Amino acid sequence: MSQEMEVAREEELQDGDRKSIVIDDDIPALLIKAGGSYYCIEDVCTHDGQPLTDGPVEDCEIECPRHGAKFDLKSGKATCMPATEPVRTFEVTTRDGAVFVAY
């Protein structure tokens, strides 16, 4: 059974914003609001293990600032080399103005 945790209030993030969070005490992740929807991905590029934190987000993809690998925010799928493995994604829900991530 999965657990969930509150990670933000809806008013904290405007479209295009992101917030660094830690899931289950040891998983670095990014909460991203793009196109009016919330997404949560593990904040580690599967190509070289570096953070995706400052990577540009465009068309529901995040680009690794180090080598240019891209990942789909919805599925985590690697969409551009040099990454070939997906990043982990987490389900995001909102209730009563709060943003929750399931893990």
PDB file of N, CA and C in Angstrom:
ATOM      1  N   MET A   1       0.840  -1.186   0.000  1.00  0.00           N
ATOM      2  CA  MET A   1       0.000   0.000   0.000  1.00  0.00           C
ATOM      3  C   MET A   1       0.882   1.246   0.000  1.00  0.00           C
ATOM      4  N   SER A   2       0.539   2.189  -0.829  1.00  0.00           N
ATOM      5  CA  SER A   2       1.360   3.390  -0.897  1.00  0.00           C
ATOM      6  C   SER A   2       0.975   4.379   0.195  1.00  0.00           C
ATOM      7  N   GLN A   3       1.912   5.242   0.498  1.00  0.00           N
ATOM      8  CA  GLN A   3       1.695   6.314   1.461  1.00  0.00           C
ATOM      9  C   GLN A   3       1.698   7.624   0.696  1.00  0.00           C
ATOM     10  N   GLU A   4       1.221   8.666   1.339  1.00  0.00           N
ATOM     11  CA  GLU A   4       1.310   9.976   0.716  1.00  0.00           C
ATOM     12  C   GLU A   4       1.722  11.001   1.752  1.00  0.00           C
ATOM     13  N   MET A   5       2.292  12.081   1.234  1.00  0.00           N
ATOM     14  CA  MET A   5       2.711  13.152   2.121  1.00  0.00           C
ATOM     15  C   MET A   5       2.353  14.488   1.479  1.00  0.00           C
ATOM     16  N   GLU A   6       2.012  15.453   2.323  1.00  0.00           N
ATOM     17  CA  GLU A   6       1.756  16.796   1.829  1.00  0.00           C
ATOM     18  C   GLU A   6       3.097  17.463   1.563  1.00  0.00           C
ATOM     19  N   VAL A   7       3.246  18.038   0.354  1.00  0.00           N
ATOM     20  CA  VAL A   7       4.532  18.625  -0.027  1.00  0.00           C
ATOM     21  C   VAL A   7       4.454  20.115  -0.317  1.00  0.00           C
ATOM     22  N   ALA A   8       3.244  20.645  -0.475  1.00  0.00           N
ATOM     23  CA  ALA A   8       3.104  22.074  -0.784  1.00  0.00           C
ATOM     24  C   ALA A   8       1.649  22.491  -0.629  1.00  0.00           C
ATOM     25  N   ARG A   9       1.452  23.791  -0.650  1.00  0.00           N
ATOM     26  CA  ARG A   9       0.123  24.381  -0.769  1.00  0.00           C
ATOM     27  C   ARG A   9      -0.011  24.842  -2.221  1.00  0.00           C
ATOM     28  N   GLU A  10      -1.198  24.742  -2.775  1.00  0.00           N
ATOM     29  CA  GLU A  10      -1.389  25.088  -4.184  1.00  0.00           C
ATOM     30  C   GLU A  10      -0.934  26.512  -4.505  1.00  0.00           C
ATOM     31  N   GLU A  11      -1.113  27.439  -3.572  1.00  0.00           N
ATOM     32  CA  GLU A  11      -0.748  28.833  -3.844  1.00  0.00           C
ATOM     33  C   GLU A  11       0.771  29.053  -3.887  1.00  0.00           C
ATOM     34  N   GLU A  12       1.557  28.062  -3.460  1.00  0.00           N
ATOM     35  CA  GLU A  12       3.017  28.192  -3.470  1.00  0.00           C
ATOM     36  C   GLU A  12       3.607  28.191  -4.874  1.00  0.00           C
ATOM     37  N   LEU A  13       2.989  27.453  -5.788  1.00  0.00           N
ATOM     38  CA  LEU A  13       3.574  27.292  -7.120  1.00  0.00           C
ATOM     39  C   LEU A  13       2.681  27.887  -8.197  1.00  0.00           C
ATOM     40  N   GLN A  14       3.283  28.736  -9.004  1.00  0.00           N
ATOM     41  CA  GLN A  14       2.638  29.252 -10.208  1.00  0.00           C
ATOM     42  C   GLN A  14       3.102  28.370 -11.375  1.00  0.00           C
ATOM     43  N   ASP A  15       2.416  28.482 -12.500  1.00  0.00           N
ATOM     44  CA  ASP A  15       2.804  27.678 -13.651  1.00  0.00           C
ATOM     45  C   ASP A  15       4.273  27.953 -13.999  1.00  0.00           C
ATOM     46  N   GLY A  16       5.037  26.895 -14.173  1.00  0.00           N
ATOM     47  CA  GLY A  16       6.462  27.009 -14.478  1.00  0.00           C
ATOM     48  C   GLY A  16       7.355  26.919 -13.254  1.00  0.00           C
ATOM     49  N   ASP A  17       6.761  26.957 -12.053  1.00  0.00           N
ATOM     50  CA  ASP A  17       7.553  26.877 -10.822  1.00  0.00           C
ATOM     51  C   ASP A  17       7.879  25.426 -10.479  1.00  0.00           C
ATOM     52  N   ARG A  18       8.885  25.290  -9.625  1.00  0.00           N
ATOM     53  CA  ARG A  18       9.271  23.976  -9.109  1.00  0.00           C
ATOM     54  C   ARG A  18       9.676  24.116  -7.653  1.00  0.00           C
ATOM     55  N   LYS A  19       9.612  23.006  -6.949  1.00  0.00           N
ATOM     56  CA  LYS A  19       9.993  22.990  -5.537  1.00  0.00           C
ATOM     57  C   LYS A  19      10.760  21.701  -5.268  1.00  0.00           C
ATOM     58  N   SER A  20      11.942  21.829  -4.676  1.00  0.00           N
ATOM     59  CA  SER A  20      12.710  20.653  -4.270  1.00  0.00           C
ATOM     60  C   SER A  20      12.109  20.093  -2.996  1.00  0.00           C
ATOM     61  N   ILE A  21      11.913  18.773  -2.982  1.00  0.00           N
ATOM     62  CA  ILE A  21      11.350  18.100  -1.812  1.00  0.00           C
ATOM     63  C   ILE A  21      12.144  16.819  -1.558  1.00  0.00           C
ATOM     64  N   VAL A  22      11.922  16.229  -0.407  1.00  0.00           N
ATOM     65  CA  VAL A  22      12.511  14.931  -0.075  1.00  0.00           C
ATOM     66  C   VAL A  22      11.355  14.003   0.277  1.00  0.00           C
ATOM     67  N   ILE A  23      11.287  12.879  -0.416  1.00  0.00           N
ATOM     68  CA  ILE A  23      10.216  11.907  -0.215  1.00  0.00           C
ATOM     69  C   ILE A  23      10.731  10.766   0.644  1.00  0.00           C
ATOM     70  N   ASP A  24       9.936  10.386   1.623  1.00  0.00           N
ATOM     71  CA  ASP A  24      10.250   9.243   2.495  1.00  0.00           C
ATOM     72  C   ASP A  24      11.644   9.360   3.116  1.00  0.00           C
ATOM     73  N   ASP A  25      12.026  10.576   3.467  1.00  0.00           N
ATOM     74  CA  ASP A  25      13.265  10.893   4.178  1.00  0.00           C
ATOM     75  C   ASP A  25      14.566  10.725   3.398  1.00  0.00           C
ATOM     76  N   ASP A  26      14.520  10.171   2.163  1.00  0.00           N
ATOM     77  CA  ASP A  26      15.796   9.991   1.470  1.00  0.00           C
ATOM     78  C   ASP A  26      15.753  10.060  -0.053  1.00  0.00           C
ATOM     79  N   ILE A  27      14.604  10.374  -0.638  1.00  0.00           N
ATOM     80  CA  ILE A  27      14.514  10.436  -2.091  1.00  0.00           C
ATOM     81  C   ILE A  27      14.387  11.891  -2.527  1.00  0.00           C
ATOM     82  N   PRO A  28      15.435  12.461  -3.151  1.00  0.00           N
ATOM     83  CA  PRO A  28      15.330  13.833  -3.629  1.00  0.00           C
ATOM     84  C   PRO A  28      14.371  13.874  -4.814  1.00  0.00           C
ATOM     85  N   ALA A  29      13.465  14.850  -4.795  1.00  0.00           N
ATOM     86  CA  ALA A  29      12.468  14.928  -5.859  1.00  0.00           C
ATOM     87  C   ALA A  29      12.163  16.381  -6.188  1.00  0.00           C
ATOM     88  N   LEU A  30      11.530  16.571  -7.335  1.00  0.00           N
ATOM     89  CA  LEU A  30      11.087  17.890  -7.769  1.00  0.00           C
ATOM     90  C   LEU A  30       9.588  17.864  -7.974  1.00  0.00           C
ATOM     91  N   LEU A  31       8.907  18.801  -7.357  1.00  0.00           N
ATOM     92  CA  LEU A  31       7.497  19.045  -7.627  1.00  0.00           C
ATOM     93  C   LEU A  31       7.470  20.184  -8.636  1.00  0.00           C
ATOM     94  N   ILE A  32       6.823  19.949  -9.774  1.00  0.00           N
ATOM     95  CA  ILE A  32       6.816  20.925 -10.866  1.00  0.00           C
ATOM     96  C   ILE A  32       5.380  21.197 -11.276  1.00  0.00           C
ATOM     97  N   LYS A  33       5.056  22.471 -11.471  1.00  0.00           N
ATOM     98  CA  LYS A  33       3.752  22.829 -12.014  1.00  0.00           C
ATOM     99  C   LYS A  33       3.974  23.294 -13.447  1.00  0.00           C
ATOM    100  N   ALA A  34       3.380  22.572 -14.385  1.00  0.00           N
ATOM    101  CA  ALA A  34       3.549  22.883 -15.807  1.00  0.00           C
ATOM    102  C   ALA A  34       2.218  22.683 -16.517  1.00  0.00           C
ATOM    103  N   GLY A  35       1.815  23.667 -17.290  1.00  0.00           N
ATOM    104  CA  GLY A  35       0.557  23.567 -18.013  1.00  0.00           C
ATOM    105  C   GLY A  35      -0.646  23.417 -17.101  1.00  0.00           C
ATOM    106  N   GLY A  36      -0.530  23.979 -15.886  1.00  0.00           N
ATOM    107  CA  GLY A  36      -1.633  23.905 -14.936  1.00  0.00           C
ATOM    108  C   GLY A  36      -1.714  22.613 -14.146  1.00  0.00           C
ATOM    109  N   SER A  37      -0.837  21.660 -14.426  1.00  0.00           N
ATOM    110  CA  SER A  37      -0.827  20.371 -13.723  1.00  0.00           C
ATOM    111  C   SER A  37       0.433  20.242 -12.876  1.00  0.00           C
ATOM    112  N   TYR A  38       0.345  19.414 -11.846  1.00  0.00           N
ATOM    113  CA  TYR A  38       1.489  19.131 -10.982  1.00  0.00           C
ATOM    114  C   TYR A  38       2.113  17.799 -11.372  1.00  0.00           C
ATOM    115  N   TYR A  39       3.444  17.760 -11.343  1.00  0.00           N
ATOM    116  CA  TYR A  39       4.195  16.546 -11.610  1.00  0.00           C
ATOM    117  C   TYR A  39       5.272  16.416 -10.538  1.00  0.00           C
ATOM    118  N   CYS A  40       5.646  15.179 -10.251  1.00  0.00           N
ATOM    119  CA  CYS A  40       6.728  14.947  -9.300  1.00  0.00           C
ATOM    120  C   CYS A  40       7.628  13.856  -9.856  1.00  0.00           C
ATOM    121  N   ILE A  41       8.920  14.185  -9.962  1.00  0.00           N
ATOM    122  CA  ILE A  41       9.918  13.241 -10.457  1.00  0.00           C
ATOM    123  C   ILE A  41      11.087  13.174  -9.490  1.00  0.00           C
ATOM    124  N   GLU A  42      11.772  12.043  -9.503  1.00  0.00           N
ATOM    125  CA  GLU A  42      12.997  11.941  -8.716  1.00  0.00           C
ATOM    126  C   GLU A  42      14.014  12.905  -9.307  1.00  0.00           C
ATOM    127  N   ASP A  43      14.705  13.624  -8.452  1.00  0.00           N
ATOM    128  CA  ASP A  43      15.625  14.686  -8.888  1.00  0.00           C
ATOM    129  C   ASP A  43      17.024  14.134  -9.150  1.00  0.00           C
ATOM    130  N   VAL A  44      17.097  13.126 -10.030  1.00  0.00           N
ATOM    131  CA  VAL A  44      18.383  12.516 -10.359  1.00  0.00           C
ATOM    132  C   VAL A  44      18.352  12.100 -11.826  1.00  0.00           C
ATOM    133  N   CYS A  45      19.268  12.629 -12.619  1.00  0.00           N
ATOM    134  CA  CYS A  45      19.370  12.228 -14.025  1.00  0.00           C
ATOM    135  C   CYS A  45      19.863  10.785 -14.086  1.00  0.00           C
ATOM    136  N   THR A  46      19.182   9.957 -14.856  1.00  0.00           N
ATOM    137  CA  THR A  46      19.582   8.550 -14.949  1.00  0.00           C
ATOM    138  C   THR A  46      20.824   8.348 -15.803  1.00  0.00           C
ATOM    139  N   HIS A  47      21.267   9.386 -16.482  1.00  0.00           N
ATOM    140  CA  HIS A  47      22.495   9.281 -17.278  1.00  0.00           C
ATOM    141  C   HIS A  47      23.738   9.367 -16.410  1.00  0.00           C
ATOM    142  N   ASP A  48      23.788  10.373 -15.516  1.00  0.00           N
ATOM    143  CA  ASP A  48      25.016  10.535 -14.728  1.00  0.00           C
ATOM    144  C   ASP A  48      24.799  10.780 -13.243  1.00  0.00           C
ATOM    145  N   GLY A  49      23.540  10.672 -12.780  1.00  0.00           N
ATOM    146  CA  GLY A  49      23.271  10.797 -11.360  1.00  0.00           C
ATOM    147  C   GLY A  49      23.256  12.210 -10.815  1.00  0.00           C
ATOM    148  N   GLN A  50      23.334  13.201 -11.693  1.00  0.00           N
ATOM    149  CA  GLN A  50      23.334  14.593 -11.251  1.00  0.00           C
ATOM    150  C   GLN A  50      21.898  15.106 -11.086  1.00  0.00           C
ATOM    151  N   PRO A  51      21.697  16.153 -10.287  1.00  0.00           N
ATOM    152  CA  PRO A  51      20.354  16.696 -10.086  1.00  0.00           C
ATOM    153  C   PRO A  51      19.789  17.347 -11.348  1.00  0.00           C
ATOM    154  N   LEU A  52      18.476  17.241 -11.487  1.00  0.00           N
ATOM    155  CA  LEU A  52      17.754  17.904 -12.569  1.00  0.00           C
ATOM    156  C   LEU A  52      17.223  19.257 -12.115  1.00  0.00           C
ATOM    157  N   THR A  53      17.455  19.613 -10.878  1.00  0.00           N
ATOM    158  CA  THR A  53      16.868  20.761 -10.198  1.00  0.00           C
ATOM    159  C   THR A  53      16.756  22.017 -11.044  1.00  0.00           C
ATOM    160  N   ASP A  54      17.816  22.420 -11.692  1.00  0.00           N
ATOM    161  CA  ASP A  54      17.828  23.687 -12.431  1.00  0.00           C
ATOM    162  C   ASP A  54      17.595  23.521 -13.930  1.00  0.00           C
ATOM    163  N   GLY A  55      17.208  22.327 -14.354  1.00  0.00           N
ATOM    164  CA  GLY A  55      17.001  22.100 -15.778  1.00  0.00           C
ATOM    165  C   GLY A  55      15.771  22.809 -16.306  1.00  0.00           C
ATOM    166  N   PRO A  56      15.842  23.320 -17.544  1.00  0.00           N
ATOM    167  CA  PRO A  56      14.686  23.989 -18.128  1.00  0.00           C
ATOM    168  C   PRO A  56      13.535  23.018 -18.368  1.00  0.00           C
ATOM    169  N   VAL A  57      12.319  23.523 -18.200  1.00  0.00           N
ATOM    170  CA  VAL A  57      11.104  22.744 -18.446  1.00  0.00           C
ATOM    171  C   VAL A  57      10.387  23.375 -19.629  1.00  0.00           C
ATOM    172  N   GLU A  58      10.078  22.531 -20.626  1.00  0.00           N
ATOM    173  CA  GLU A  58       9.357  22.996 -21.804  1.00  0.00           C
ATOM    174  C   GLU A  58       8.576  21.831 -22.395  1.00  0.00           C
ATOM    175  N   ASP A  59       7.343  22.089 -22.787  1.00  0.00           N
ATOM    176  CA  ASP A  59       6.496  21.062 -23.415  1.00  0.00           C
ATOM    177  C   ASP A  59       6.421  19.791 -22.574  1.00  0.00           C
ATOM    178  N   CYS A  60       6.253  19.947 -21.282  1.00  0.00           N
ATOM    179  CA  CYS A  60       6.094  18.832 -20.338  1.00  0.00           C
ATOM    180  C   CYS A  60       7.327  17.920 -20.282  1.00  0.00           C
ATOM    181  N   GLU A  61       8.508  18.493 -20.554  1.00  0.00           N
ATOM    182  CA  GLU A  61       9.767  17.772 -20.424  1.00  0.00           C
ATOM    183  C   GLU A  61      10.732  18.616 -19.603  1.00  0.00           C
ATOM    184  N   ILE A  62      11.605  17.924 -18.860  1.00  0.00           N
ATOM    185  CA  ILE A  62      12.683  18.605 -18.164  1.00  0.00           C
ATOM    186  C   ILE A  62      13.995  18.170 -18.798  1.00  0.00           C
ATOM    187  N   GLU A  63      14.901  19.126 -18.937  1.00  0.00           N
ATOM    188  CA  GLU A  63      16.204  18.857 -19.546  1.00  0.00           C
ATOM    189  C   GLU A  63      17.280  18.886 -18.473  1.00  0.00           C
ATOM    190  N   CYS A  64      18.130  17.882 -18.474  1.00  0.00           N
ATOM    191  CA  CYS A  64      19.254  17.855 -17.545  1.00  0.00           C
ATOM    192  C   CYS A  64      20.203  19.000 -17.903  1.00  0.00           C
ATOM    193  N   PRO A  65      20.527  19.861 -16.935  1.00  0.00           N
ATOM    194  CA  PRO A  65      21.388  20.996 -17.239  1.00  0.00           C
ATOM    195  C   PRO A  65      22.839  20.595 -17.537  1.00  0.00           C
ATOM    196  N   ARG A  66      23.196  19.380 -17.249  1.00  0.00           N
ATOM    197  CA  ARG A  66      24.588  18.962 -17.424  1.00  0.00           C
ATOM    198  C   ARG A  66      24.893  18.464 -18.843  1.00  0.00           C
ATOM    199  N   HIS A  67      24.105  17.498 -19.342  1.00  0.00           N
ATOM    200  CA  HIS A  67      24.404  16.917 -20.648  1.00  0.00           C
ATOM    201  C   HIS A  67      23.240  16.970 -21.633  1.00  0.00           C
ATOM    202  N   GLY A  68      22.110  17.565 -21.251  1.00  0.00           N
ATOM    203  CA  GLY A  68      21.009  17.754 -22.184  1.00  0.00           C
ATOM    204  C   GLY A  68      20.023  16.615 -22.321  1.00  0.00           C
ATOM    205  N   ALA A  69      20.149  15.571 -21.508  1.00  0.00           N
ATOM    206  CA  ALA A  69      19.142  14.506 -21.546  1.00  0.00           C
ATOM    207  C   ALA A  69      17.792  15.112 -21.186  1.00  0.00           C
ATOM    208  N   LYS A  70      16.723  14.558 -21.743  1.00  0.00           N
ATOM    209  CA  LYS A  70      15.381  15.061 -21.447  1.00  0.00           C
ATOM    210  C   LYS A  70      14.497  13.930 -20.958  1.00  0.00           C
ATOM    211  N   PHE A  71      13.536  14.328 -20.069  1.00  0.00           N
ATOM    212  CA  PHE A  71      12.621  13.358 -19.487  1.00  0.00           C
ATOM    213  C   PHE A  71      11.202  13.899 -19.519  1.00  0.00           C
ATOM    214  N   ASP A  72      10.254  13.024 -19.852  1.00  0.00           N
ATOM    215  CA  ASP A  72       8.841  13.374 -19.847  1.00  0.00           C
ATOM    216  C   ASP A  72       8.371  13.486 -18.400  1.00  0.00           C
ATOM    217  N   LEU A  73       7.737  14.598 -18.048  1.00  0.00           N
ATOM    218  CA  LEU A  73       7.289  14.800 -16.666  1.00  0.00           C
ATOM    219  C   LEU A  73       6.159  13.859 -16.280  1.00  0.00           C
ATOM    220  N   LYS A  74       5.343  13.436 -17.231  1.00  0.00           N
ATOM    221  CA  LYS A  74       4.210  12.554 -16.926  1.00  0.00           C
ATOM    222  C   LYS A  74       4.655  11.125 -16.656  1.00  0.00           C
ATOM    223  N   SER A  75       5.503  10.599 -17.525  1.00  0.00           N
ATOM    224  CA  SER A  75       5.871   9.185 -17.450  1.00  0.00           C
ATOM    225  C   SER A  75       7.272   8.936 -16.901  1.00  0.00           C
ATOM    226  N   GLY A  76       8.125   9.958 -16.931  1.00  0.00           N
ATOM    227  CA  GLY A  76       9.521   9.792 -16.536  1.00  0.00           C
ATOM    228  C   GLY A  76      10.392   9.272 -17.659  1.00  0.00           C
ATOM    229  N   LYS A  77       9.789   8.920 -18.795  1.00  0.00           N
ATOM    230  CA  LYS A  77      10.522   8.343 -19.921  1.00  0.00           C
ATOM    231  C   LYS A  77      11.634   9.277 -20.408  1.00  0.00           C
ATOM    232  N   ALA A  78      12.798   8.680 -20.692  1.00  0.00           N
ATOM    233  CA  ALA A  78      13.896   9.437 -21.300  1.00  0.00           C
ATOM    234  C   ALA A  78      13.511   9.704 -22.747  1.00  0.00           C
ATOM    235  N   THR A  79      13.530  10.990 -23.141  1.00  0.00           N
ATOM    236  CA  THR A  79      13.098  11.355 -24.492  1.00  0.00           C
ATOM    237  C   THR A  79      14.247  11.873 -25.352  1.00  0.00           C
ATOM    238  N   CYS A  80      15.432  12.001 -24.769  1.00  0.00           N
ATOM    239  CA  CYS A  80      16.587  12.504 -25.520  1.00  0.00           C
ATOM    240  C   CYS A  80      17.864  11.941 -24.906  1.00  0.00           C
ATOM    241  N   MET A  81      18.754  11.497 -25.761  1.00  0.00           N
ATOM    242  CA  MET A  81      20.057  10.994 -25.316  1.00  0.00           C
ATOM    243  C   MET A  81      20.823  12.117 -24.617  1.00  0.00           C
ATOM    244  N   PRO A  82      21.719  11.827 -23.732  1.00  0.00           N
ATOM    245  CA  PRO A  82      22.343  10.537 -23.527  1.00  0.00           C
ATOM    246  C   PRO A  82      21.613   9.611 -22.549  1.00  0.00           C
ATOM    247  N   ALA A  83      20.525  10.027 -21.951  1.00  0.00           N
ATOM    248  CA  ALA A  83      19.800   9.143 -21.031  1.00  0.00           C
ATOM    249  C   ALA A  83      18.983   8.118 -21.813  1.00  0.00           C
ATOM    250  N   THR A  84      18.951   6.900 -21.305  1.00  0.00           N
ATOM    251  CA  THR A  84      18.139   5.844 -21.909  1.00  0.00           C
ATOM    252  C   THR A  84      17.149   5.254 -20.909  1.00  0.00           C
ATOM    253  N   GLU A  85      17.384   5.467 -19.633  1.00  0.00           N
ATOM    254  CA  GLU A  85      16.510   4.950 -18.581  1.00  0.00           C
ATOM    255  C   GLU A  85      15.597   6.061 -18.066  1.00  0.00           C
ATOM    256  N   PRO A  86      14.358   5.718 -17.695  1.00  0.00           N
ATOM    257  CA  PRO A  86      13.438   6.739 -17.186  1.00  0.00           C
ATOM    258  C   PRO A  86      13.805   7.195 -15.776  1.00  0.00           C
ATOM    259  N   VAL A  87      13.320   8.373 -15.403  1.00  0.00           N
ATOM    260  CA  VAL A  87      13.396   8.803 -14.011  1.00  0.00           C
ATOM    261  C   VAL A  87      12.122   8.331 -13.316  1.00  0.00           C
ATOM    262  N   ARG A  88      12.224   8.132 -12.037  1.00  0.00           N
ATOM    263  CA  ARG A  88      11.067   7.704 -11.242  1.00  0.00           C
ATOM    264  C   ARG A  88      10.081   8.859 -11.126  1.00  0.00           C
ATOM    265  N   THR A  89       8.795   8.546 -11.260  1.00  0.00           N
ATOM    266  CA  THR A  89       7.743   9.541 -11.093  1.00  0.00           C
ATOM    267  C   THR A  89       6.879   9.165  -9.889  1.00  0.00           C
ATOM    268  N   PHE A  90       6.194  10.155  -9.353  1.00  0.00           N
ATOM    269  CA  PHE A  90       5.321   9.955  -8.214  1.00  0.00           C
ATOM    270  C   PHE A  90       3.960  10.567  -8.524  1.00  0.00           C
ATOM    271  N   GLU A  91       2.898   9.904  -8.117  1.00  0.00           N
ATOM    272  CA  GLU A  91       1.548  10.412  -8.339  1.00  0.00           C
ATOM    273  C   GLU A  91       1.304  11.639  -7.470  1.00  0.00           C
ATOM    274  N   VAL A  92       0.714  12.671  -8.072  1.00  0.00           N
ATOM    275  CA  VAL A  92       0.414  13.911  -7.365  1.00  0.00           C
ATOM    276  C   VAL A  92      -1.093  14.125  -7.359  1.00  0.00           C
ATOM    277  N   THR A  93      -1.621  14.478  -6.193  1.00  0.00           N
ATOM    278  CA  THR A  93      -3.029  14.826  -6.066  1.00  0.00           C
ATOM    279  C   THR A  93      -3.145  16.124  -5.278  1.00  0.00           C
ATOM    280  N   THR A  94      -4.287  16.786  -5.443  1.00  0.00           N
ATOM    281  CA  THR A  94      -4.561  18.001  -4.665  1.00  0.00           C
ATOM    282  C   THR A  94      -5.882  17.821  -3.939  1.00  0.00           C
ATOM    283  N   ARG A  95      -5.927  18.336  -2.707  1.00  0.00           N
ATOM    284  CA  ARG A  95      -7.136  18.313  -1.887  1.00  0.00           C
ATOM    285  C   ARG A  95      -7.121  19.499  -0.955  1.00  0.00           C
ATOM    286  N   ASP A  96      -8.220  20.212  -0.923  1.00  0.00           N
ATOM    287  CA  ASP A  96      -8.379  21.313   0.035  1.00  0.00           C
ATOM    288  C   ASP A  96      -7.200  22.285   0.005  1.00  0.00           C
ATOM    289  N   GLY A  97      -6.681  22.570  -1.198  1.00  0.00           N
ATOM    290  CA  GLY A  97      -5.607  23.540  -1.339  1.00  0.00           C
ATOM    291  C   GLY A  97      -4.215  22.983  -1.081  1.00  0.00           C
ATOM    292  N   ALA A  98      -4.122  21.693  -0.752  1.00  0.00           N
ATOM    293  CA  ALA A  98      -2.824  21.072  -0.476  1.00  0.00           C
ATOM    294  C   ALA A  98      -2.420  20.162  -1.630  1.00  0.00           C
ATOM    295  N   VAL A  99      -1.108  20.019  -1.833  1.00  0.00           N
ATOM    296  CA  VAL A  99      -0.550  19.141  -2.863  1.00  0.00           C
ATOM    297  C   VAL A  99       0.085  17.948  -2.157  1.00  0.00           C
ATOM    298  N   PHE A 100      -0.302  16.734  -2.585  1.00  0.00           N
ATOM    299  CA  PHE A 100       0.188  15.512  -1.975  1.00  0.00           C
ATOM    300  C   PHE A 100       0.920  14.660  -3.018  1.00  0.00           C
ATOM    301  N   VAL A 101       1.950  13.952  -2.566  1.00  0.00           N
ATOM    302  CA  VAL A 101       2.695  13.033  -3.414  1.00  0.00           C
ATOM    303  C   VAL A 101       2.595  11.641  -2.790  1.00  0.00           C
ATOM    304  N   ALA A 102       2.247  10.654  -3.636  1.00  0.00           N
ATOM    305  CA  ALA A 102       2.183   9.253  -3.181  1.00  0.00           C
ATOM    306  C   ALA A 102       3.512   8.590  -3.470  1.00  0.00           C
ATOM    307  N   TYR A 103       3.918   7.720  -2.555  1.00  0.00           N
ATOM    308  CA  TYR A 103       5.172   6.986  -2.725  1.00  0.00           C
ATOM    309  C   TYR A 103       5.047   5.582  -2.195  1.00  0.00           C
TER     310      TYR A 103
END
